Amino acid sequence: MSVERLTARQESVLRVIRDAIADTGDAPTIREIGRRVGLSSSGSVACQLGRLESLGLISRSERRWRSCRLAQ
C-alpha cells in the first residue's frame, strides 16, 4: 500500500482547517482558507479541499465545505 505525500499547499490547507476547528469549533470558509494560504481563487481552494477529501483526510456532512471535518 503506497501512501501519497501531500503537497506543501495541501498541508497548509489542512493546517488552516485544523487550527480553525481547534479555535472556533467550525471549519473555515473557502475564502478564509484562501486568504490564509495565499490563494485568491475559491476554485483553487475547492480543488485542494476535494483532493484532501479524496485522500480521506477530511470529510463533509453537507454539500458545503464549511461542514468539513477532519477524518478520524
PDB file of N, CA and C in Angstrom:
ATOM      1  N   MET A   1       0.850  -1.177   0.000  1.00  0.00           N
ATOM      2  CA  MET A   1       0.000   0.000   0.000  1.00  0.00           C
ATOM      3  C   MET A   1       0.893   1.237   0.000  1.00  0.00           C
ATOM      4  N   SER A   2       0.703   2.102  -0.980  1.00  0.00           N
ATOM      5  CA  SER A   2       1.523   3.306  -1.042  1.00  0.00           C
ATOM      6  C   SER A   2       0.774   4.479  -0.413  1.00  0.00           C
ATOM      7  N   VAL A   3       1.521   5.265   0.300  1.00  0.00           N
ATOM      8  CA  VAL A   3       0.947   6.447   0.936  1.00  0.00           C
ATOM      9  C   VAL A   3       1.323   7.651   0.081  1.00  0.00           C
ATOM     10  N   GLU A   4       0.319   8.387  -0.343  1.00  0.00           N
ATOM     11  CA  GLU A   4       0.575   9.552  -1.174  1.00  0.00           C
ATOM     12  C   GLU A   4       0.981  10.728  -0.298  1.00  0.00           C
ATOM     13  N   ARG A   5       2.039  11.383  -0.680  1.00  0.00           N
ATOM     14  CA  ARG A   5       2.555  12.528   0.067  1.00  0.00           C
ATOM     15  C   ARG A   5       1.766  13.786  -0.304  1.00  0.00           C
ATOM     16  N   LEU A   6       1.487  14.597   0.684  1.00  0.00           N
ATOM     17  CA  LEU A   6       0.768  15.852   0.461  1.00  0.00           C
ATOM     18  C   LEU A   6       1.713  16.910  -0.075  1.00  0.00           C
ATOM     19  N   THR A   7       1.172  17.786  -0.911  1.00  0.00           N
ATOM     20  CA  THR A   7       1.959  18.934  -1.364  1.00  0.00           C
ATOM     21  C   THR A   7       2.022  19.950  -0.216  1.00  0.00           C
ATOM     22  N   ALA A   8       2.915  20.895  -0.335  1.00  0.00           N
ATOM     23  CA  ALA A   8       3.032  21.946   0.689  1.00  0.00           C
ATOM     24  C   ALA A   8       1.719  22.714   0.800  1.00  0.00           C
ATOM     25  N   ARG A   9       1.067  22.964  -0.326  1.00  0.00           N
ATOM     26  CA  ARG A   9      -0.207  23.695  -0.326  1.00  0.00           C
ATOM     27  C   ARG A   9      -1.282  22.889   0.402  1.00  0.00           C
ATOM     28  N   GLN A  10      -1.354  21.587   0.140  1.00  0.00           N
ATOM     29  CA  GLN A  10      -2.337  20.732   0.809  1.00  0.00           C
ATOM     30  C   GLN A  10      -2.087  20.692   2.315  1.00  0.00           C
ATOM     31  N   GLU A  11      -0.834  20.631   2.708  1.00  0.00           N
ATOM     32  CA  GLU A  11      -0.500  20.650   4.128  1.00  0.00           C
ATOM     33  C   GLU A  11      -0.929  21.970   4.759  1.00  0.00           C
ATOM     34  N   SER A  12      -0.741  23.071   4.039  1.00  0.00           N
ATOM     35  CA  SER A  12      -1.152  24.383   4.551  1.00  0.00           C
ATOM     36  C   SER A  12      -2.662  24.457   4.725  1.00  0.00           C
ATOM     37  N   VAL A  13      -3.399  23.974   3.739  1.00  0.00           N
ATOM     38  CA  VAL A  13      -4.861  23.980   3.813  1.00  0.00           C
ATOM     39  C   VAL A  13      -5.325  23.128   4.984  1.00  0.00           C
ATOM     40  N   LEU A  14      -4.751  21.957   5.139  1.00  0.00           N
ATOM     41  CA  LEU A  14      -5.126  21.071   6.238  1.00  0.00           C
ATOM     42  C   LEU A  14      -4.812  21.717   7.588  1.00  0.00           C
ATOM     43  N   ARG A  15      -3.689  22.408   7.689  1.00  0.00           N
ATOM     44  CA  ARG A  15      -3.318  23.094   8.926  1.00  0.00           C
ATOM     45  C   ARG A  15      -4.318  24.204   9.257  1.00  0.00           C
ATOM     46  N   VAL A  16      -4.740  24.963   8.244  1.00  0.00           N
ATOM     47  CA  VAL A  16      -5.726  26.029   8.452  1.00  0.00           C
ATOM     48  C   VAL A  16      -7.035  25.434   8.975  1.00  0.00           C
ATOM     49  N   ILE A  17      -7.455  24.326   8.395  1.00  0.00           N
ATOM     50  CA  ILE A  17      -8.690  23.676   8.843  1.00  0.00           C
ATOM     51  C   ILE A  17      -8.549  23.199  10.287  1.00  0.00           C
ATOM     52  N   ARG A  18      -7.441  22.535  10.584  1.00  0.00           N
ATOM     53  CA  ARG A  18      -7.208  22.048  11.959  1.00  0.00           C
ATOM     54  C   ARG A  18      -7.227  23.194  12.963  1.00  0.00           C
ATOM     55  N   ASP A  19      -6.521  24.273  12.639  1.00  0.00           N
ATOM     56  CA  ASP A  19      -6.438  25.420  13.550  1.00  0.00           C
ATOM     57  C   ASP A  19      -7.808  26.064  13.762  1.00  0.00           C
ATOM     58  N   ALA A  20      -8.566  26.239  12.684  1.00  0.00           N
ATOM     59  CA  ALA A  20      -9.886  26.866  12.799  1.00  0.00           C
ATOM     60  C   ALA A  20     -10.828  26.016  13.641  1.00  0.00           C
ATOM     61  N   ILE A  21     -10.815  24.715  13.414  1.00  0.00           N
ATOM     62  CA  ILE A  21     -11.686  23.830  14.188  1.00  0.00           C
ATOM     63  C   ILE A  21     -11.272  23.843  15.655  1.00  0.00           C
ATOM     64  N   ALA A  22      -9.968  23.849  15.919  1.00  0.00           N
ATOM     65  CA  ALA A  22      -9.488  23.899  17.306  1.00  0.00           C
ATOM     66  C   ALA A  22      -9.863  25.216  17.981  1.00  0.00           C
ATOM     67  N   ASP A  23      -9.791  26.317  17.225  1.00  0.00           N
ATOM     68  CA  ASP A  23     -10.062  27.648  17.796  1.00  0.00           C
ATOM     69  C   ASP A  23     -11.550  27.952  17.939  1.00  0.00           C
ATOM     70  N   THR A  24     -12.345  27.589  16.929  1.00  0.00           N
ATOM     71  CA  THR A  24     -13.748  28.008  16.913  1.00  0.00           C
ATOM     72  C   THR A  24     -14.751  26.862  16.958  1.00  0.00           C
ATOM     73  N   GLY A  25     -14.294  25.661  16.685  1.00  0.00           N
ATOM     74  CA  GLY A  25     -15.203  24.514  16.622  1.00  0.00           C
ATOM     75  C   GLY A  25     -15.836  24.333  15.260  1.00  0.00           C
ATOM     76  N   ASP A  26     -15.589  25.263  14.334  1.00  0.00           N
ATOM     77  CA  ASP A  26     -16.136  25.196  12.984  1.00  0.00           C
ATOM     78  C   ASP A  26     -15.020  25.259  11.954  1.00  0.00           C
ATOM     79  N   ALA A  27     -15.289  24.668  10.800  1.00  0.00           N
ATOM     80  CA  ALA A  27     -14.341  24.756   9.697  1.00  0.00           C
ATOM     81  C   ALA A  27     -14.382  26.162   9.112  1.00  0.00           C
ATOM     82  N   PRO A  28     -13.280  26.617   8.540  1.00  0.00           N
ATOM     83  CA  PRO A  28     -13.262  27.941   7.914  1.00  0.00           C
ATOM     84  C   PRO A  28     -13.988  27.905   6.569  1.00  0.00           C
ATOM     85  N   THR A  29     -14.367  29.067   6.079  1.00  0.00           N
ATOM     86  CA  THR A  29     -14.957  29.156   4.750  1.00  0.00           C
ATOM     87  C   THR A  29     -13.859  29.007   3.702  1.00  0.00           C
ATOM     88  N   ILE A  30     -14.272  28.791   2.473  1.00  0.00           N
ATOM     89  CA  ILE A  30     -13.304  28.696   1.375  1.00  0.00           C
ATOM     90  C   ILE A  30     -12.497  29.989   1.272  1.00  0.00           C
ATOM     91  N   ARG A  31     -13.158  31.116   1.413  1.00  0.00           N
ATOM     92  CA  ARG A  31     -12.446  32.404   1.314  1.00  0.00           C
ATOM     93  C   ARG A  31     -11.462  32.587   2.463  1.00  0.00           C
ATOM     94  N   GLU A  32     -11.832  32.154   3.660  1.00  0.00           N
ATOM     95  CA  GLU A  32     -10.910  32.240   4.802  1.00  0.00           C
ATOM     96  C   GLU A  32      -9.682  31.372   4.555  1.00  0.00           C
ATOM     97  N   ILE A  33      -9.905  30.175   4.051  1.00  0.00           N
ATOM     98  CA  ILE A  33      -8.770  29.293   3.739  1.00  0.00           C
ATOM     99  C   ILE A  33      -7.885  29.954   2.693  1.00  0.00           C
ATOM    100  N   GLY A  34      -8.502  30.468   1.634  1.00  0.00           N
ATOM    101  CA  GLY A  34      -7.735  31.115   0.570  1.00  0.00           C
ATOM    102  C   GLY A  34      -6.879  32.252   1.074  1.00  0.00           C
ATOM    103  N   ARG A  35      -7.455  33.104   1.917  1.00  0.00           N
ATOM    104  CA  ARG A  35      -6.682  34.222   2.479  1.00  0.00           C
ATOM    105  C   ARG A  35      -5.487  33.715   3.279  1.00  0.00           C
ATOM    106  N   ARG A  36      -5.695  32.676   4.051  1.00  0.00           N
ATOM    107  CA  ARG A  36      -4.614  32.188   4.926  1.00  0.00           C
ATOM    108  C   ARG A  36      -3.513  31.454   4.180  1.00  0.00           C
ATOM    109  N   VAL A  37      -3.837  30.839   3.048  1.00  0.00           N
ATOM    110  CA  VAL A  37      -2.803  30.097   2.315  1.00  0.00           C
ATOM    111  C   VAL A  37      -2.328  30.807   1.057  1.00  0.00           C
ATOM    112  N   GLY A  38      -2.897  31.995   0.777  1.00  0.00           N
ATOM    113  CA  GLY A  38      -2.437  32.775  -0.361  1.00  0.00           C
ATOM    114  C   GLY A  38      -3.050  32.394  -1.697  1.00  0.00           C
ATOM    115  N   LEU A  39      -4.256  31.869  -1.683  1.00  0.00           N
ATOM    116  CA  LEU A  39      -4.969  31.560  -2.926  1.00  0.00           C
ATOM    117  C   LEU A  39      -6.132  32.535  -3.075  1.00  0.00           C
ATOM    118  N   SER A  40      -6.184  33.238  -4.196  1.00  0.00           N
ATOM    119  CA  SER A  40      -7.267  34.200  -4.387  1.00  0.00           C
ATOM    120  C   SER A  40      -8.484  33.570  -5.063  1.00  0.00           C
ATOM    121  N   SER A  41      -8.297  32.440  -5.708  1.00  0.00           N
ATOM    122  CA  SER A  41      -9.392  31.778  -6.409  1.00  0.00           C
ATOM    123  C   SER A  41     -10.071  30.755  -5.497  1.00  0.00           C
ATOM    124  N   SER A  42     -11.379  30.926  -5.304  1.00  0.00           N
ATOM    125  CA  SER A  42     -12.108  29.960  -4.481  1.00  0.00           C
ATOM    126  C   SER A  42     -12.139  28.601  -5.166  1.00  0.00           C
ATOM    127  N   GLY A  43     -12.060  28.586  -6.485  1.00  0.00           N
ATOM    128  CA  GLY A  43     -11.995  27.320  -7.218  1.00  0.00           C
ATOM    129  C   GLY A  43     -10.724  26.550  -6.907  1.00  0.00           C
ATOM    130  N   SER A  44      -9.612  27.267  -6.756  1.00  0.00           N
ATOM    131  CA  SER A  44      -8.346  26.614  -6.401  1.00  0.00           C
ATOM    132  C   SER A  44      -8.412  26.012  -5.008  1.00  0.00           C
ATOM    133  N   VAL A  45      -9.036  26.736  -4.093  1.00  0.00           N
ATOM    134  CA  VAL A  45      -9.203  26.223  -2.729  1.00  0.00           C
ATOM    135  C   VAL A  45     -10.096  24.991  -2.755  1.00  0.00           C
ATOM    136  N   ALA A  46     -11.202  25.055  -3.490  1.00  0.00           N
ATOM    137  CA  ALA A  46     -12.127  23.918  -3.585  1.00  0.00           C
ATOM    138  C   ALA A  46     -11.425  22.701  -4.177  1.00  0.00           C
ATOM    139  N   CYS A  47     -10.542  22.928  -5.136  1.00  0.00           N
ATOM    140  CA  CYS A  47      -9.772  21.829  -5.729  1.00  0.00           C
ATOM    141  C   CYS A  47      -8.886  21.163  -4.673  1.00  0.00           C
ATOM    142  N   GLN A  48      -8.208  21.979  -3.859  1.00  0.00           N
ATOM    143  CA  GLN A  48      -7.358  21.435  -2.790  1.00  0.00           C
ATOM    144  C   GLN A  48      -8.196  20.663  -1.771  1.00  0.00           C
ATOM    145  N   LEU A  49      -9.363  21.213  -1.429  1.00  0.00           N
ATOM    146  CA  LEU A  49     -10.247  20.539  -0.479  1.00  0.00           C
ATOM    147  C   LEU A  49     -10.752  19.217  -1.048  1.00  0.00           C
ATOM    148  N   GLY A  50     -11.080  19.217  -2.326  1.00  0.00           N
ATOM    149  CA  GLY A  50     -11.524  17.986  -2.974  1.00  0.00           C
ATOM    150  C   GLY A  50     -10.456  16.916  -2.950  1.00  0.00           C
ATOM    151  N   ARG A  51      -9.227  17.325  -3.145  1.00  0.00           N
ATOM    152  CA  ARG A  51      -8.108  16.364  -3.110  1.00  0.00           C
ATOM    153  C   ARG A  51      -7.936  15.805  -1.695  1.00  0.00           C
ATOM    154  N   LEU A  52      -8.003  16.671  -0.684  1.00  0.00           N
ATOM    155  CA  LEU A  52      -7.885  16.209   0.701  1.00  0.00           C
ATOM    156  C   LEU A  52      -9.032  15.266   1.050  1.00  0.00           C
ATOM    157  N   GLU A  53     -10.224  15.557   0.516  1.00  0.00           N
ATOM    158  CA  GLU A  53     -11.368  14.686   0.767  1.00  0.00           C
ATOM    159  C   GLU A  53     -11.168  13.333   0.084  1.00  0.00           C
ATOM    160  N   SER A  54     -10.660  13.337  -1.132  1.00  0.00           N
ATOM    161  CA  SER A  54     -10.446  12.071  -1.840  1.00  0.00           C
ATOM    162  C   SER A  54      -9.353  11.229  -1.180  1.00  0.00           C
ATOM    163  N   LEU A  55      -8.441  11.884  -0.491  1.00  0.00           N
ATOM    164  CA  LEU A  55      -7.395  11.166   0.246  1.00  0.00           C
ATOM    165  C   LEU A  55      -7.889  10.670   1.610  1.00  0.00           C
ATOM    166  N   GLY A  56      -9.106  11.064   1.975  1.00  0.00           N
ATOM    167  CA  GLY A  56      -9.679  10.619   3.239  1.00  0.00           C
ATOM    168  C   GLY A  56      -9.225  11.410   4.452  1.00  0.00           C
ATOM    169  N   LEU A  57      -8.649  12.590   4.237  1.00  0.00           N
ATOM    170  CA  LEU A  57      -8.145  13.394   5.351  1.00  0.00           C
ATOM    171  C   LEU A  57      -9.199  14.315   5.937  1.00  0.00           C
ATOM    172  N   ILE A  58     -10.177  14.683   5.110  1.00  0.00           N
ATOM    173  CA  ILE A  58     -11.313  15.473   5.581  1.00  0.00           C
ATOM    174  C   ILE A  58     -12.588  14.859   5.016  1.00  0.00           C
ATOM    175  N   SER A  59     -13.695  15.189   5.629  1.00  0.00           N
ATOM    176  CA  SER A  59     -14.993  14.772   5.110  1.00  0.00           C
ATOM    177  C   SER A  59     -15.963  15.910   5.361  1.00  0.00           C
ATOM    178  N   ARG A  60     -17.094  15.848   4.714  1.00  0.00           N
ATOM    179  CA  ARG A  60     -18.102  16.874   4.957  1.00  0.00           C
ATOM    180  C   ARG A  60     -19.462  16.215   5.072  1.00  0.00           C
ATOM    181  N   SER A  61     -20.274  16.777   5.943  1.00  0.00           N
ATOM    182  CA  SER A  61     -21.583  16.210   6.204  1.00  0.00           C
ATOM    183  C   SER A  61     -22.648  16.787   5.286  1.00  0.00           C
ATOM    184  N   GLU A  62     -22.338  17.883   4.656  1.00  0.00           N
ATOM    185  CA  GLU A  62     -23.255  18.533   3.722  1.00  0.00           C
ATOM    186  C   GLU A  62     -22.493  18.840   2.442  1.00  0.00           C
ATOM    187  N   ARG A  63     -23.168  19.433   1.510  1.00  0.00           N
ATOM    188  CA  ARG A  63     -22.526  19.804   0.246  1.00  0.00           C
ATOM    189  C   ARG A  63     -21.546  20.959   0.437  1.00  0.00           C
ATOM    190  N   ARG A  64     -21.776  21.778   1.440  1.00  0.00           N
ATOM    191  CA  ARG A  64     -20.933  22.951   1.683  1.00  0.00           C
ATOM    192  C   ARG A  64     -19.591  22.547   2.309  1.00  0.00           C
ATOM    193  N   TRP A  65     -18.533  23.232   1.928  1.00  0.00           N
ATOM    194  CA  TRP A  65     -17.215  22.959   2.511  1.00  0.00           C
ATOM    195  C   TRP A  65     -17.135  23.407   3.958  1.00  0.00           C
ATOM    196  N   ARG A  66     -17.971  24.341   4.339  1.00  0.00           N
ATOM    197  CA  ARG A  66     -17.970  24.816   5.734  1.00  0.00           C
ATOM    198  C   ARG A  66     -18.308  23.663   6.688  1.00  0.00           C
ATOM    199  N   SER A  67     -18.945  22.629   6.179  1.00  0.00           N
ATOM    200  CA  SER A  67     -19.307  21.486   7.012  1.00  0.00           C
ATOM    201  C   SER A  67     -18.191  20.459   7.114  1.00  0.00           C
ATOM    202  N   CYS A  68     -17.023  20.761   6.554  1.00  0.00           N
ATOM    203  CA  CYS A  68     -15.963  19.745   6.539  1.00  0.00           C
ATOM    204  C   CYS A  68     -15.416  19.496   7.942  1.00  0.00           C
ATOM    205  N   ARG A  69     -15.021  18.294   8.158  1.00  0.00           N
ATOM    206  CA  ARG A  69     -14.448  17.839   9.420  1.00  0.00           C
ATOM    207  C   ARG A  69     -13.187  17.035   9.116  1.00  0.00           C
ATOM    208  N   LEU A  70     -12.311  16.994  10.080  1.00  0.00           N
ATOM    209  CA  LEU A  70     -11.119  16.163   9.946  1.00  0.00           C
ATOM    210  C   LEU A  70     -11.522  14.705  10.039  1.00  0.00           C
ATOM    211  N   ALA A  71     -10.908  13.881   9.220  1.00  0.00           N
ATOM    212  CA  ALA A  71     -11.207  12.456   9.250  1.00  0.00           C
ATOM    213  C   ALA A  71     -10.672  11.859  10.547  1.00  0.00           C
ATOM    214  N   GLN A  72     -11.356  10.885  11.039  1.00  0.00           N
ATOM    215  CA  GLN A  72     -10.984  10.247  12.303  1.00  0.00           C
ATOM    216  C   GLN A  72      -9.786   9.364  12.147  1.00  0.00           C
TER     217      GLN A  72
END
